[in-house]
Every structure is written in C-alpha cells, then in structure tokens.
Amino acid sequence: MIQRIQTLFLLLVAIAMIAAVATPIWLQVNAMGNQYMEMTAWQITISELPQKNTLSQSSNIYIGILALLAAVIAIFSMLQFKNRKKQLMLNMINALLMGLTLGLVVYTSFKANEDFNPAVSGSFVLGFYAIAFALIMNLVANRFIRKDEMLIRSVDRIR
C-alpha cells in the first residue's frame, strides 16, 4: 500500500536528490580571498568575490542528469508498492546511481580543487549531504520493503 513507511523514505530520496540538483554541492575560496569556486550539479563556476563577476564556467551536466534520474527512479519505485521484488530491484539500481553520483561529485571536486587551489581543500555543502542522505534513506527503504516481503511470505506459509 502507498501508506507504508518505505513510501515516506522513497519520497525523501526523491526530495533529497532534487535538492542536490537545486543547491550548491561544493565551494572553495582561493588563498587571497578574491575568487571563489562553486560547483553545482550542472556546472562549476569561478567568480570574483566583491563584484561576483563570472570568470569561467565548465559544465558537469552528468551529475545533474544522474541525480534527476535517481529522483525519477525513486518516485517510480514508490508507485510499485504492489510488486515488492521489482521495488527492491529498482532501489538497488537507484543505490548504484546515487553511489556513482556521489563518487563523481567527489572526483569532480578533487579535480577542480587541483586546478583552483591545491593547497586548501574546499567544503562540501548542502547538495553533497543531500545525496548522502538520499543514499541512506534508500537503504532504509530497502530494509522495510524486505521486512514486508518476509512478513507476506510467513503469512503465506501459515495458510
């Protein structure tokens, strides 16, 4: 049924992945304090601080696409409440996508840090933590789906 607890967790996965797309993922200010780099799910932007003039932009659209795909799969999985095995399979695929997204975020931020200011590391912000939160919520949803499946199997055995 749609009112099960795993539905709430899958909804949180979708919301967190949309938040990861909408908010910055990583920030860094250079050593002199006159430039900053911001990474979102769509691009990396280097700007001057007082005027906020954009100096350069590079695209990393693959992170945004993976995050949106994970949100869509979470919503689709939420609607597959009658077929728990399919729901588990979709959630496992989603966990792989979110893990890949998290890995790409770390790799991209590491590479951007090397070019911008290798002496100081940047800081991960809300978008990064939203992806990690979504991954945890997906694992918790899988746990409750498996629990429901085992309950149904035990009831079938009694009949």
C-alpha atoms as a PDB file:
ATOM      1  CA  MET A   1       0.000   0.000   0.000  1.00  0.00           C
ATOM      2  CA  ILE A   2       1.062   3.545  -0.650  1.00  0.00           C
ATOM      3  CA  GLN A   3       0.863   4.495   3.048  1.00  0.00           C
ATOM      4  CA  ARG A   4       3.704   2.180   4.120  1.00  0.00           C
ATOM      5  CA  ILE A   5       6.772   3.654   5.816  1.00  0.00           C
ATOM      6  CA  GLN A   6       9.037   2.808   2.867  1.00  0.00           C
ATOM      7  CA  THR A   7       6.951   5.170   0.739  1.00  0.00           C
ATOM      8  CA  LEU A   8       7.944   8.025   3.027  1.00  0.00           C
ATOM      9  CA  PHE A   9      11.609   7.050   2.771  1.00  0.00           C
ATOM     10  CA  LEU A  10      11.422   6.849  -1.030  1.00  0.00           C
ATOM     11  CA  LEU A  11       9.739  10.253  -1.112  1.00  0.00           C
ATOM     12  CA  LEU A  12      12.613  11.606   0.999  1.00  0.00           C
ATOM     13  CA  VAL A  13      15.059  10.099  -1.516  1.00  0.00           C
ATOM     14  CA  ALA A  14      13.344  11.941  -4.370  1.00  0.00           C
ATOM     15  CA  ILE A  15      13.217  15.224  -2.438  1.00  0.00           C
ATOM     16  CA  ALA A  16      16.879  14.945  -1.418  1.00  0.00           C
ATOM     17  CA  MET A  17      18.023  14.249  -4.979  1.00  0.00           C
ATOM     18  CA  ILE A  18      16.034  17.221  -6.281  1.00  0.00           C
ATOM     19  CA  ALA A  19      17.599  19.333  -3.515  1.00  0.00           C
ATOM     20  CA  ALA A  20      21.029  18.127  -4.655  1.00  0.00           C
ATOM     21  CA  VAL A  21      20.248  19.383  -8.150  1.00  0.00           C
ATOM     22  CA  ALA A  22      18.928  22.732  -6.927  1.00  0.00           C
ATOM     23  CA  THR A  23      21.610  23.656  -4.370  1.00  0.00           C
ATOM     24  CA  PRO A  24      25.412  24.064  -4.489  1.00  0.00           C
ATOM     25  CA  ILE A  25      27.435  20.929  -3.842  1.00  0.00           C
ATOM     26  CA  TRP A  26      30.938  22.264  -3.188  1.00  0.00           C
ATOM     27  CA  LEU A  27      32.508  25.676  -2.503  1.00  0.00           C
ATOM     28  CA  GLN A  28      36.049  26.962  -2.197  1.00  0.00           C
ATOM     29  CA  VAL A  29      37.665  30.371  -1.793  1.00  0.00           C
ATOM     30  CA  ASN A  30      41.214  30.881  -3.068  1.00  0.00           C
ATOM     31  CA  ALA A  31      44.116  31.799  -0.776  1.00  0.00           C
ATOM     32  CA  MET A  32      43.963  35.547  -1.492  1.00  0.00           C
ATOM     33  CA  GLY A  33      40.213  35.652  -0.896  1.00  0.00           C
ATOM     34  CA  ASN A  34      39.383  37.414  -4.153  1.00  0.00           C
ATOM     35  CA  GLN A  35      37.930  34.447  -6.084  1.00  0.00           C
ATOM     36  CA  TYR A  36      35.645  31.552  -5.265  1.00  0.00           C
ATOM     37  CA  MET A  37      34.647  28.353  -6.997  1.00  0.00           C
ATOM     38  CA  GLU A  38      31.151  26.929  -6.754  1.00  0.00           C
ATOM     39  CA  MET A  39      30.150  23.504  -8.004  1.00  0.00           C
ATOM     40  CA  THR A  40      26.506  22.682  -8.630  1.00  0.00           C
ATOM     41  CA  ALA A  41      25.032  19.604 -10.253  1.00  0.00           C
ATOM     42  CA  TRP A  42      25.163  21.400 -13.597  1.00  0.00           C
ATOM     43  CA  GLN A  43      28.372  23.430 -13.680  1.00  0.00           C
ATOM     44  CA  ILE A  44      31.499  24.670 -11.971  1.00  0.00           C
ATOM     45  CA  THR A  45      31.763  28.450 -11.783  1.00  0.00           C
ATOM     46  CA  ILE A  46      34.788  30.553 -10.833  1.00  0.00           C
ATOM     47  CA  SER A  47      33.836  34.097  -9.833  1.00  0.00           C
ATOM     48  CA  GLU A  48      35.390  37.196  -8.326  1.00  0.00           C
ATOM     49  CA  LEU A  49      34.208  37.844  -4.797  1.00  0.00           C
ATOM     50  CA  PRO A  50      33.358  41.528  -4.398  1.00  0.00           C
ATOM     51  CA  GLN A  51      31.724  42.009  -7.803  1.00  0.00           C
ATOM     52  CA  LYS A  52      30.604  38.385  -8.339  1.00  0.00           C
ATOM     53  CA  ASN A  53      31.742  38.578 -11.964  1.00  0.00           C
ATOM     54  CA  THR A  54      31.956  35.154 -13.571  1.00  0.00           C
ATOM     55  CA  LEU A  55      35.487  34.405 -14.719  1.00  0.00           C
ATOM     56  CA  SER A  56      34.927  30.907 -16.110  1.00  0.00           C
ATOM     57  CA  GLN A  57      32.373  28.144 -16.236  1.00  0.00           C
ATOM     58  CA  SER A  58      32.677  24.486 -17.055  1.00  0.00           C
ATOM     59  CA  SER A  59      29.852  22.034 -17.439  1.00  0.00           C
ATOM     60  CA  ASN A  60      29.383  18.878 -15.387  1.00  0.00           C
ATOM     61  CA  ILE A  61      25.867  18.132 -16.520  1.00  0.00           C
ATOM     62  CA  TYR A  62      26.361  14.399 -15.940  1.00  0.00           C
ATOM     63  CA  ILE A  63      25.974  14.892 -12.178  1.00  0.00           C
ATOM     64  CA  GLY A  64      22.647  16.681 -12.636  1.00  0.00           C
ATOM     65  CA  ILE A  65      21.347  14.052 -15.036  1.00  0.00           C
ATOM     66  CA  LEU A  66      22.288  11.203 -12.683  1.00  0.00           C
ATOM     67  CA  ALA A  67      20.672  12.982  -9.725  1.00  0.00           C
ATOM     68  CA  LEU A  68      17.437  13.620 -11.618  1.00  0.00           C
ATOM     69  CA  LEU A  69      17.397  10.036 -12.877  1.00  0.00           C
ATOM     70  CA  ALA A  70      17.763   8.811  -9.279  1.00  0.00           C
ATOM     71  CA  ALA A  71      14.831  11.018  -8.217  1.00  0.00           C
ATOM     72  CA  VAL A  72      12.653   9.681 -11.044  1.00  0.00           C
ATOM     73  CA  ILE A  73      13.534   6.071 -10.205  1.00  0.00           C
ATOM     74  CA  ALA A  74      12.692   6.709  -6.533  1.00  0.00           C
ATOM     75  CA  ILE A  75       9.276   8.081  -7.459  1.00  0.00           C
ATOM     76  CA  PHE A  76       8.642   5.204  -9.872  1.00  0.00           C
ATOM     77  CA  SER A  77       9.742   2.710  -7.203  1.00  0.00           C
ATOM     78  CA  MET A  78       7.388   4.342  -4.726  1.00  0.00           C
ATOM     79  CA  LEU A  79       4.486   3.639  -7.086  1.00  0.00           C
ATOM     80  CA  GLN A  80       5.460  -0.051  -7.467  1.00  0.00           C
ATOM     81  CA  PHE A  81       4.210  -0.924  -3.966  1.00  0.00           C
ATOM     82  CA  LYS A  82       2.295  -3.987  -5.189  1.00  0.00           C
ATOM     83  CA  ASN A  83       5.402  -5.650  -6.610  1.00  0.00           C
ATOM     84  CA  ARG A  84       7.978  -5.641  -3.811  1.00  0.00           C
ATOM     85  CA  LYS A  85      10.594  -7.591  -5.773  1.00  0.00           C
ATOM     86  CA  LYS A  86      10.503  -5.035  -8.570  1.00  0.00           C
ATOM     87  CA  GLN A  87      10.647  -2.289  -5.966  1.00  0.00           C
ATOM     88  CA  LEU A  88      13.753  -3.846  -4.403  1.00  0.00           C
ATOM     89  CA  MET A  89      15.415  -4.161  -7.804  1.00  0.00           C
ATOM     90  CA  LEU A  90      14.658  -0.519  -8.641  1.00  0.00           C
ATOM     91  CA  ASN A  91      16.035   0.586  -5.281  1.00  0.00           C
ATOM     92  CA  MET A  92      19.244  -1.387  -5.834  1.00  0.00           C
ATOM     93  CA  ILE A  93      19.688   0.273  -9.226  1.00  0.00           C
ATOM     94  CA  ASN A  94      18.961   3.601  -7.568  1.00  0.00           C
ATOM     95  CA  ALA A  95      21.571   2.932  -4.878  1.00  0.00           C
ATOM     96  CA  LEU A  96      24.136   2.280  -7.606  1.00  0.00           C
ATOM     97  CA  LEU A  97      23.171   5.516  -9.383  1.00  0.00           C
ATOM     98  CA  MET A  98      23.391   7.546  -6.188  1.00  0.00           C
ATOM     99  CA  GLY A  99      26.721   5.945  -5.285  1.00  0.00           C
ATOM    100  CA  LEU A 100      28.008   6.778  -8.765  1.00  0.00           C
ATOM    101  CA  THR A 101      26.728  10.339  -8.380  1.00  0.00           C
ATOM    102  CA  LEU A 102      28.457  10.687  -5.021  1.00  0.00           C
ATOM    103  CA  GLY A 103      31.686   9.293  -6.451  1.00  0.00           C
ATOM    104  CA  LEU A 104      31.551  11.655  -9.431  1.00  0.00           C
ATOM    105  CA  VAL A 105      30.932  14.604  -7.115  1.00  0.00           C
ATOM    106  CA  VAL A 106      33.996  13.747  -5.025  1.00  0.00           C
ATOM    107  CA  TYR A 107      36.147  13.126  -8.116  1.00  0.00           C
ATOM    108  CA  THR A 108      34.999  16.309  -9.875  1.00  0.00           C
ATOM    109  CA  SER A 109      35.537  18.433  -6.771  1.00  0.00           C
ATOM    110  CA  PHE A 110      39.004  16.909  -6.283  1.00  0.00           C
ATOM    111  CA  LYS A 111      39.973  17.682  -9.894  1.00  0.00           C
ATOM    112  CA  ALA A 112      38.547  21.221  -9.663  1.00  0.00           C
ATOM    113  CA  ASN A 113      40.436  21.745  -6.412  1.00  0.00           C
ATOM    114  CA  GLU A 114      43.718  20.761  -8.088  1.00  0.00           C
ATOM    115  CA  ASP A 115      43.233  23.428 -10.751  1.00  0.00           C
ATOM    116  CA  PHE A 116      41.950  26.194  -8.480  1.00  0.00           C
ATOM    117  CA  ASN A 117      43.822  25.973  -5.171  1.00  0.00           C
ATOM    118  CA  PRO A 118      45.532  22.661  -4.376  1.00  0.00           C
ATOM    119  CA  ALA A 119      46.910  23.853  -1.031  1.00  0.00           C
ATOM    120  CA  VAL A 120      43.471  24.222   0.578  1.00  0.00           C
ATOM    121  CA  SER A 121      40.535  21.876   0.215  1.00  0.00           C
ATOM    122  CA  GLY A 122      37.049  23.229  -0.379  1.00  0.00           C
ATOM    123  CA  SER A 123      33.985  22.428   1.624  1.00  0.00           C
ATOM    124  CA  PHE A 124      31.040  20.265   0.728  1.00  0.00           C
ATOM    125  CA  VAL A 125      27.696  21.944   1.296  1.00  0.00           C
ATOM    126  CA  LEU A 126      24.004  21.028   1.230  1.00  0.00           C
ATOM    127  CA  GLY A 127      23.907  19.370  -2.197  1.00  0.00           C
ATOM    128  CA  PHE A 128      26.574  16.823  -1.258  1.00  0.00           C
ATOM    129  CA  TYR A 129      24.924  15.980   2.041  1.00  0.00           C
ATOM    130  CA  ALA A 130      21.545  15.669   0.297  1.00  0.00           C
ATOM    131  CA  ILE A 131      22.991  12.926  -1.938  1.00  0.00           C
ATOM    132  CA  ALA A 132      24.435  11.091   1.078  1.00  0.00           C
ATOM    133  CA  PHE A 133      21.109  11.459   2.931  1.00  0.00           C
ATOM    134  CA  ALA A 134      19.225  10.078  -0.096  1.00  0.00           C
ATOM    135  CA  LEU A 135      21.530   7.074  -0.227  1.00  0.00           C
ATOM    136  CA  ILE A 136      20.883   6.309   3.446  1.00  0.00           C
ATOM    137  CA  MET A 137      17.115   6.758   3.050  1.00  0.00           C
ATOM    138  CA  ASN A 138      17.175   4.376   0.076  1.00  0.00           C
ATOM    139  CA  LEU A 139      18.907   1.726   2.189  1.00  0.00           C
ATOM    140  CA  VAL A 140      16.359   2.180   4.981  1.00  0.00           C
ATOM    141  CA  ALA A 141      13.500   1.888   2.480  1.00  0.00           C
ATOM    142  CA  ASN A 142      15.022  -1.369   1.186  1.00  0.00           C
ATOM    143  CA  ARG A 143      15.119  -2.702   4.733  1.00  0.00           C
ATOM    144  CA  PHE A 144      11.412  -2.054   5.248  1.00  0.00           C
ATOM    145  CA  ILE A 145      10.487  -3.462   1.834  1.00  0.00           C
ATOM    146  CA  ARG A 146      12.389  -6.668   2.662  1.00  0.00           C
ATOM    147  CA  LYS A 147      10.670  -6.778   6.045  1.00  0.00           C
ATOM    148  CA  ASP A 148       7.255  -6.543   4.345  1.00  0.00           C
ATOM    149  CA  GLU A 149       8.219  -9.256   1.867  1.00  0.00           C
ATOM    150  CA  MET A 150       9.289 -11.593   4.678  1.00  0.00           C
ATOM    151  CA  LEU A 151       6.042 -10.894   6.550  1.00  0.00           C
ATOM    152  CA  ILE A 152       3.979 -11.772   3.476  1.00  0.00           C
ATOM    153  CA  ARG A 153       5.963 -14.976   2.963  1.00  0.00           C
ATOM    154  CA  SER A 154       5.458 -16.035   6.565  1.00  0.00           C
ATOM    155  CA  VAL A 155       1.710 -15.419   6.335  1.00  0.00           C
ATOM    156  CA  ASP A 156       1.593 -17.479   3.126  1.00  0.00           C
ATOM    157  CA  ARG A 157       3.359 -20.338   4.908  1.00  0.00           C
ATOM    158  CA  ILE A 158       0.751 -20.392   7.666  1.00  0.00           C
ATOM    159  CA  ARG A 159      -2.125 -20.731   5.187  1.00  0.00           C
END
